Amino acid sequence: MSKLSIISELWDFLKVRKKWWLAPILFFLILLGGLIILTQGSALAPFIYAIF
């Protein structure tokens, strides 16, 4: 199963079930996950982990 199909299924779920309140939560989780992945090997990692 590709990542794009998971995203499209999630989008269809949000449209059909009218669960729009989940969208900001998912966006924040994706943003936070990307931030952790991008800073994993950099010198900024200790400062970002200290924020949370």
Protein backbone atom coordinates (compact mmCIF):
# COMPACT_ATOMS: atom_id res chain seq x y z
CA MET A 1 0.00 0.00 0.00
CA SER A 2 1.52 3.29 -1.03
CA LYS A 3 1.63 6.40 1.10
CA LEU A 4 -0.45 8.32 -1.42
CA SER A 5 -3.30 5.83 -1.17
CA ILE A 6 -3.30 6.19 2.61
CA ILE A 7 -3.49 9.97 2.28
CA SER A 8 -6.30 9.76 -0.27
CA GLU A 9 -8.25 7.34 1.95
CA LEU A 10 -7.80 9.67 4.91
CA TRP A 11 -9.00 12.61 2.81
CA ASP A 12 -12.06 10.64 1.67
CA PHE A 13 -12.79 9.72 5.28
CA LEU A 14 -12.66 13.37 6.33
CA LYS A 15 -14.98 14.39 3.49
CA VAL A 16 -17.57 11.63 3.96
CA ARG A 17 -17.69 11.59 7.76
CA LYS A 18 -17.41 15.40 8.10
CA LYS A 19 -14.60 15.07 10.65
CA TRP A 20 -12.94 18.36 9.75
CA TRP A 21 -11.78 18.90 13.33
CA LEU A 22 -9.24 16.10 12.76
CA ALA A 23 -7.49 18.00 9.96
CA PRO A 24 -5.54 20.48 12.17
CA ILE A 25 -4.50 17.69 14.52
CA LEU A 26 -3.20 15.55 11.66
CA PHE A 27 -1.46 18.55 10.09
CA PHE A 28 0.31 19.33 13.36
CA LEU A 29 1.38 15.70 13.84
CA ILE A 30 2.76 15.52 10.29
CA LEU A 31 4.59 18.82 10.76
CA LEU A 32 6.06 17.72 14.08
CA GLY A 33 7.13 14.36 12.65
CA GLY A 34 8.81 16.05 9.69
CA LEU A 35 10.61 18.44 12.02
CA ILE A 36 11.95 15.58 14.12
CA ILE A 37 13.07 13.63 11.04
CA LEU A 38 14.80 16.64 9.46
CA THR A 39 16.67 17.66 12.61
CA GLN A 40 17.61 14.15 13.71
CA GLY A 41 21.26 14.44 12.74
CA SER A 42 21.82 18.15 13.18
CA ALA A 43 23.12 20.31 15.98
CA LEU A 44 19.63 21.79 16.43
CA ALA A 45 18.15 18.55 17.75
CA PRO A 46 18.83 19.18 21.47
CA PHE A 47 17.20 22.62 21.27
CA ILE A 48 14.09 21.34 19.50
CA TYR A 49 13.70 18.48 21.96
CA ALA A 50 14.04 20.94 24.83
CA ILE A 51 11.05 22.91 23.53
CA PHE A 52 8.77 19.93 23.90
